[in-house]
Protein backbone atom coordinates (compact mmCIF):
# COMPACT_ATOMS: atom_id res chain seq x y z
CA UNK A 1 110.30 144.39 134.25
CA UNK A 2 108.80 142.86 131.11
CA UNK A 3 112.03 143.56 129.19
CA UNK A 4 114.08 141.80 131.87
CA UNK A 5 111.77 138.78 131.83
CA UNK A 6 111.88 138.55 128.04
CA UNK A 7 115.67 138.83 128.03
CA UNK A 8 115.95 136.17 130.71
CA UNK A 9 113.55 133.92 128.78
CA UNK A 10 115.53 134.39 125.56
CA UNK A 11 118.75 133.48 127.37
CA UNK A 12 117.10 130.39 128.85
CA UNK A 13 115.71 129.41 125.44
CA UNK A 14 119.14 129.82 123.81
CA UNK A 15 120.70 127.66 126.54
CA UNK A 16 118.01 124.99 126.03
CA UNK A 17 118.55 124.99 122.26
CA UNK A 18 122.29 124.67 122.70
CA UNK A 19 121.77 121.74 125.07
CA UNK A 20 119.34 120.15 122.62
CA UNK A 21 121.85 120.51 119.78
CA UNK A 22 124.58 119.09 121.98
CA UNK A 23 122.37 116.14 122.95
CA UNK A 24 121.53 115.53 119.29
CA UNK A 25 125.21 115.58 118.37
CA UNK A 26 126.02 113.22 121.23
CA UNK A 27 123.14 110.96 120.21
CA UNK A 28 124.40 110.81 116.63
CA UNK A 29 127.87 109.97 117.89
CA UNK A 30 126.56 106.86 119.63
CA UNK A 31 125.95 103.68 117.68
CA UNK A 32 122.29 102.65 117.45
CA UNK A 33 121.01 99.82 119.62
CA UNK A 34 117.74 99.34 117.68
CA UNK A 35 117.29 99.24 113.92
CA UNK A 36 115.86 102.40 112.42
CA UNK A 37 114.91 102.47 108.72
CA UNK A 38 113.35 105.63 107.30
CA UNK A 39 112.22 104.15 103.98
CA UNK A 40 108.48 104.31 104.73
CA UNK A 41 108.68 107.87 106.04
CA UNK A 42 110.67 108.94 102.98
CA UNK A 43 108.09 107.27 100.72
CA UNK A 44 105.24 109.15 102.40
CA UNK A 45 107.10 112.45 101.94
CA UNK A 46 107.80 111.68 98.27
CA UNK A 47 104.15 110.79 97.64
CA UNK A 48 103.07 114.15 99.07
CA UNK A 49 105.61 116.00 96.93
CA UNK A 50 104.84 114.05 93.72
CA UNK A 51 101.21 112.87 93.33
CA UNK A 52 102.13 111.08 90.08
CA UNK A 53 104.41 108.76 92.04
CA UNK A 54 101.37 107.02 93.54
CA UNK A 55 100.11 106.29 90.03
CA UNK A 56 103.48 104.89 88.99
CA UNK A 57 103.66 102.70 92.08
CA UNK A 58 100.11 101.44 91.52
CA UNK A 59 101.10 100.48 87.99
CA UNK A 60 104.13 98.63 89.34
CA UNK A 61 101.90 96.76 91.81
CA UNK A 62 99.47 95.84 89.03
CA UNK A 63 102.37 94.54 86.95
CA UNK A 64 103.72 92.55 89.88
CA UNK A 65 100.30 91.06 90.65
CA UNK A 66 99.81 90.09 87.01
CA UNK A 67 103.01 88.06 87.04
CA UNK A 68 101.99 86.39 90.28
CA UNK A 69 98.60 85.44 88.88
CA UNK A 70 100.17 83.92 85.78
CA UNK A 71 102.54 81.76 87.84
CA UNK A 72 105.51 83.90 86.98
CA UNK A 73 108.59 81.80 87.74
CA UNK A 74 110.89 84.69 88.53
CA UNK A 75 113.15 84.16 85.49
CA UNK A 76 115.10 87.34 84.91
CA UNK A 77 115.69 88.99 81.55
CA UNK A 78 118.97 87.75 80.07
CA UNK A 79 119.27 85.17 82.82
CA UNK A 80 120.94 86.04 86.09
CA UNK A 81 121.32 89.77 86.71
CA UNK A 82 124.62 91.37 87.70
CA UNK A 83 124.09 94.82 89.18
CA UNK A 84 126.91 97.40 89.07
CA UNK A 85 127.15 99.35 92.34
CA UNK A 86 128.38 102.93 92.74
CA UNK A 87 129.30 103.81 96.32
CA UNK A 88 129.18 107.54 97.09
CA UNK A 89 131.13 108.35 100.26
CA UNK A 90 130.38 111.67 101.97
CA UNK A 91 132.69 112.16 104.93
CA UNK A 92 133.47 114.75 107.56
CA UNK A 93 135.70 112.53 109.70
CA UNK A 94 138.32 109.92 108.94
CA UNK A 95 136.00 107.21 110.27
CA UNK A 96 133.27 108.26 107.83
CA UNK A 97 135.73 108.01 104.91
CA UNK A 98 135.33 104.24 104.94
CA UNK A 99 138.05 102.06 103.48
CA UNK A 100 138.00 100.16 100.20
CA UNK A 101 138.09 96.96 102.23
CA UNK A 102 134.96 97.93 104.18
CA UNK A 103 133.17 98.81 100.95
CA UNK A 104 134.11 95.50 99.34
CA UNK A 105 132.98 93.63 102.45
CA UNK A 106 129.50 95.09 101.91
CA UNK A 107 129.42 93.96 98.29
CA UNK A 108 130.46 90.50 99.48
CA UNK A 109 127.63 90.42 102.04
CA UNK A 110 125.06 91.41 99.42
CA UNK A 111 126.29 88.64 97.12
CA UNK A 112 126.01 86.07 99.88
CA UNK A 113 122.61 87.18 101.16
CA UNK A 114 120.99 87.49 97.72
CA UNK A 115 122.36 84.11 96.61
CA UNK A 116 121.61 82.07 99.77
CA UNK A 117 125.35 81.71 100.39
CA UNK A 118 125.28 83.31 103.83
CA UNK A 119 126.58 80.95 106.50
CA UNK A 120 123.40 81.31 108.60
CA UNK A 121 121.03 80.41 105.75
CA UNK A 122 120.75 76.89 107.15
CA UNK A 123 119.48 78.32 110.43
CA UNK A 124 116.08 78.91 108.82
CA UNK A 125 113.57 76.91 110.92
CA UNK A 126 111.95 73.82 109.40
CA UNK A 127 108.61 75.65 109.39
CA UNK A 128 109.93 78.08 106.77
CA UNK A 129 112.40 75.82 104.95
CA UNK A 130 109.90 75.24 102.14
CA UNK A 131 109.72 78.93 101.26
CA UNK A 132 113.29 80.14 101.87
CA UNK A 133 114.68 81.46 98.61
CA UNK A 134 117.82 82.18 96.63
CA UNK A 135 117.11 85.50 94.92
CA UNK A 136 119.88 84.88 92.38
CA UNK A 137 121.14 88.43 91.82
CA UNK A 138 124.80 89.42 92.03
CA UNK A 139 126.47 92.75 92.73
CA UNK A 140 129.75 94.13 91.37
CA UNK A 141 131.50 97.24 92.65
CA UNK A 142 131.59 99.66 89.72
CA UNK A 143 133.25 102.69 91.31
CA UNK A 144 133.70 104.63 94.54
CA UNK A 145 133.22 108.40 94.59
CA UNK A 146 134.43 110.32 97.65
CA UNK A 147 133.64 113.85 98.75
CA UNK A 148 134.66 115.76 101.87
CA UNK A 149 131.90 117.70 103.64
CA UNK A 150 131.42 119.92 106.66
CA UNK A 151 127.89 118.67 107.34
CA UNK A 152 127.50 116.87 110.65
CA UNK A 153 124.37 115.00 109.57
CA UNK A 154 122.32 114.73 106.37
CA UNK A 155 118.83 113.73 107.45
CA UNK A 156 116.42 111.88 105.17
CA UNK A 157 115.42 114.55 102.63
CA UNK A 158 117.83 113.22 99.95
CA UNK A 159 120.24 116.15 100.32
CA UNK A 160 123.19 113.75 100.04
CA UNK A 161 122.06 112.96 96.47
CA UNK A 162 122.08 116.58 95.30
CA UNK A 163 125.22 118.43 94.23
CA UNK A 164 123.61 121.81 94.96
CA UNK A 165 123.19 120.76 98.58
CA UNK A 166 126.74 119.49 98.95
CA UNK A 167 125.99 115.90 98.06
CA UNK A 168 126.85 113.63 95.14
CA UNK A 169 124.42 113.17 92.24
CA UNK A 170 123.67 109.54 91.31
CA UNK A 171 125.71 107.94 88.53
CA UNK A 172 123.64 106.29 85.74
CA UNK A 173 120.78 105.44 88.15
CA UNK A 174 118.79 103.50 85.52
CA UNK A 175 121.60 100.97 85.08
CA UNK A 176 123.61 101.23 88.32
CA UNK A 177 122.63 100.92 91.96
CA UNK A 178 123.84 104.00 93.80
CA UNK A 179 124.58 103.69 97.51
CA UNK A 180 125.42 106.75 99.60
CA UNK A 181 127.26 106.41 102.91
CA UNK A 182 127.00 109.43 105.19
CA UNK A 183 126.03 110.29 108.73
CA UNK A 184 122.24 110.35 108.49
CA UNK A 185 121.49 111.29 112.09
CA UNK A 186 118.38 110.74 114.19
CA UNK A 187 119.25 107.12 114.93
CA UNK A 188 118.53 106.11 111.33
CA UNK A 189 120.69 103.26 109.99
CA UNK A 190 119.55 103.66 106.39
CA UNK A 191 116.75 104.17 103.91
CA UNK A 192 115.96 103.37 100.28
CA UNK A 193 113.81 104.58 97.42
CA UNK A 194 111.17 102.22 96.09
CA UNK A 195 110.74 101.64 92.34
CA UNK A 196 108.60 104.41 90.88
CA UNK A 197 110.49 107.32 92.38
CA UNK A 198 112.59 109.90 90.57
CA UNK A 199 115.81 108.64 88.99
CA UNK A 200 117.50 111.79 90.35
CA UNK A 201 117.19 110.41 93.88
CA UNK A 202 117.17 106.68 93.20
CA UNK A 203 119.25 104.41 95.38
CA UNK A 204 120.07 103.52 98.97
CA UNK A 205 121.52 105.54 101.85
CA UNK A 206 123.40 103.90 104.75
CA UNK A 207 125.23 105.33 107.72
CA UNK A 208 128.93 104.33 107.48
CA UNK A 209 128.79 102.79 110.96
CA UNK A 210 126.44 100.10 109.64
CA UNK A 211 127.97 99.61 106.22
CA UNK A 212 129.70 96.29 105.54
CA UNK A 213 131.68 94.46 108.17
CA UNK A 214 132.25 97.62 110.15
CA UNK A 215 133.71 96.20 113.35
CA UNK A 216 132.48 95.08 116.75
CA UNK A 217 132.16 98.68 117.96
CA UNK A 218 128.97 99.01 115.93
CA UNK A 219 127.34 95.72 116.87
CA UNK A 220 124.58 94.57 116.62
CA UNK A 221 124.54 96.06 113.10
CA UNK A 222 128.05 95.18 111.97
CA UNK A 223 127.32 92.29 109.58
CA UNK A 224 126.22 94.27 106.53
CA UNK A 225 122.54 93.40 106.82
CA UNK A 226 121.40 97.03 106.83
CA UNK A 227 122.30 97.17 103.12
CA UNK A 228 120.58 93.82 102.50
CA UNK A 229 117.42 95.23 104.10
CA UNK A 230 117.60 98.55 102.21
CA UNK A 231 118.43 96.97 98.85
CA UNK A 232 115.39 94.76 99.47
CA UNK A 233 113.30 97.96 99.62
CA UNK A 234 114.99 99.23 96.45
CA UNK A 235 113.85 95.97 94.84
CA UNK A 236 110.24 96.65 95.92
CA UNK A 237 110.05 94.68 99.18
CA UNK A 238 108.06 96.16 102.04
CA UNK A 239 108.64 95.75 105.75
CA UNK A 240 107.37 92.35 106.75
CA UNK A 241 104.74 93.82 109.12
CA UNK A 242 103.43 96.09 106.37
CA UNK A 243 104.15 99.24 108.44
CA UNK A 244 100.90 98.69 110.32
CA UNK A 245 99.65 96.45 113.09
CA UNK A 246 98.89 93.15 111.33
CA UNK A 247 99.58 94.93 108.03
CA UNK A 248 100.39 93.41 104.65
CA UNK A 249 103.80 93.28 102.98
CA UNK A 250 102.06 92.25 99.73
CA UNK A 251 103.73 88.81 99.87
CA UNK A 252 101.60 85.67 100.32
CA UNK A 253 104.12 83.34 101.95
CA UNK A 254 105.30 85.61 104.79
CA UNK A 255 103.24 85.37 108.01
CA UNK A 256 101.27 88.36 109.25
CA UNK A 257 103.26 90.18 111.93
CA UNK A 258 101.85 92.33 114.71
CA UNK A 259 104.63 94.87 114.22
CA UNK A 260 108.38 95.12 113.82
CA UNK A 261 110.65 92.90 115.92
CA UNK A 262 113.89 94.03 117.49
CA UNK A 263 116.98 92.35 118.89
CA UNK A 264 117.20 88.56 118.67
CA UNK A 265 113.68 87.18 119.19
CA UNK A 266 113.28 83.73 120.70
CA UNK A 267 111.82 81.17 118.28
CA UNK A 268 108.94 80.54 117.88
CA UNK A 269 107.56 84.05 118.21
CA UNK A 270 103.79 84.01 117.72
CA UNK A 271 101.73 86.78 116.20
CA UNK A 272 98.37 87.66 117.73
CA UNK A 273 97.04 88.52 114.26
CA UNK A 274 94.43 86.29 112.60
CA UNK A 275 95.49 82.63 112.83
CA UNK A 276 98.23 83.43 115.38
CA UNK A 277 101.02 82.44 112.96
CA UNK A 278 104.66 82.06 113.92
CA UNK A 279 106.36 85.25 112.78
CA UNK A 280 109.22 85.05 110.27
CA UNK A 281 111.44 87.19 112.45
CA UNK A 282 114.58 86.00 110.63
CA UNK A 283 113.43 87.63 107.38
CA UNK A 284 115.68 90.40 106.10
CA UNK A 285 112.71 92.79 106.01
CA UNK A 286 112.10 92.76 109.77
CA UNK A 287 113.93 95.07 112.21
CA UNK A 288 115.93 92.43 114.10
CA UNK A 289 119.69 92.57 114.71
CA UNK A 290 122.03 91.66 111.86
CA UNK A 291 122.82 88.26 113.38
CA UNK A 292 119.11 87.43 113.62
CA UNK A 293 118.11 88.02 109.96
CA UNK A 294 119.13 85.55 107.26
CA UNK A 295 116.41 84.76 104.72
CA UNK A 296 114.15 85.96 101.92
CA UNK A 297 111.02 84.03 100.94
CA UNK A 298 109.93 82.66 97.57
CA UNK A 299 107.15 85.23 97.42
CA UNK A 300 109.67 87.99 97.97
CA UNK A 301 111.86 86.51 95.24
CA UNK A 302 108.97 86.56 92.77
CA UNK A 303 108.14 90.13 93.74
CA UNK A 304 111.76 91.16 93.13
CA UNK A 305 111.93 89.25 89.85
CA UNK A 306 108.88 91.07 88.51
CA UNK A 307 110.59 94.47 88.56
CA UNK A 308 113.52 93.20 86.50
CA UNK A 309 111.56 91.35 83.82
CA UNK A 310 110.63 93.00 80.52
CA UNK A 311 108.23 95.85 81.27
CA UNK A 312 109.20 95.91 84.92
CA UNK A 313 110.21 99.03 86.85
CA UNK A 314 113.91 98.12 86.80
CA UNK A 315 114.06 96.21 83.52
CA UNK A 316 116.89 98.49 82.37
CA UNK A 317 119.20 96.66 84.80
CA UNK A 318 118.57 93.38 82.99
CA UNK A 319 119.31 94.47 79.45
């Protein structure tokens, strides 16, 4: 009798696992309705794997704070920076093998958003008009590398960046921004590596469904703002709520948020944190829909500028 019960249980367990895998596959096939960024989770995993990374990041924060205390103006080494971008396309389906036009549309969005040329920049409320900022960094498509794969999803363990795991190794990561497009899975739109991590895994990962102007089928994340958000992380910006209730994003001119915001929040949206400030929900580092995010702040600009100046974590991009 015990053998029959065990056999029946094993059959039931196998059936449940198959259903779970099927549900996961179906879930991954559906476009996300809420923004999911795995950058903080990836950072926590990297810190556990590499204790020295915490020291490097603390040094970067000390450097950034020093510039802020000395009224650093945000002037970049050699003037305005032009960042070459390598797009690594890992595809299993035709849809994942995104077109050259879709790739260029993402570069165009980055150039608009980081230079205050986005058409919705003037939608910034009067309350925040004094701190809205033109970051002043441009992006140029350097090359596109494509690779066919049989993997259905890649997860967030950086496998897509490793040749031994079927991925594509980064190209010149100290002088070029590498972006990988692949099916991440788990409802994750993208993630990035903060300054201070290994150059072997440096860059940004974005699901092809949310890369560039990808079509109305993938709304509300079809305006290229996932890359703007993730490149912001790559440039040392934190989530605006500081990944904690009433947390700190290490920027003085962004209001304290209770937590992430989703969708298209009505303005004004008040925080219940100290001082009950109006939240800057339209900031690129919140979790709102693409159409609802359209600004960086001056404090964020100064924080970005610090990593590119001489001695900064990404100074090699400015030389």
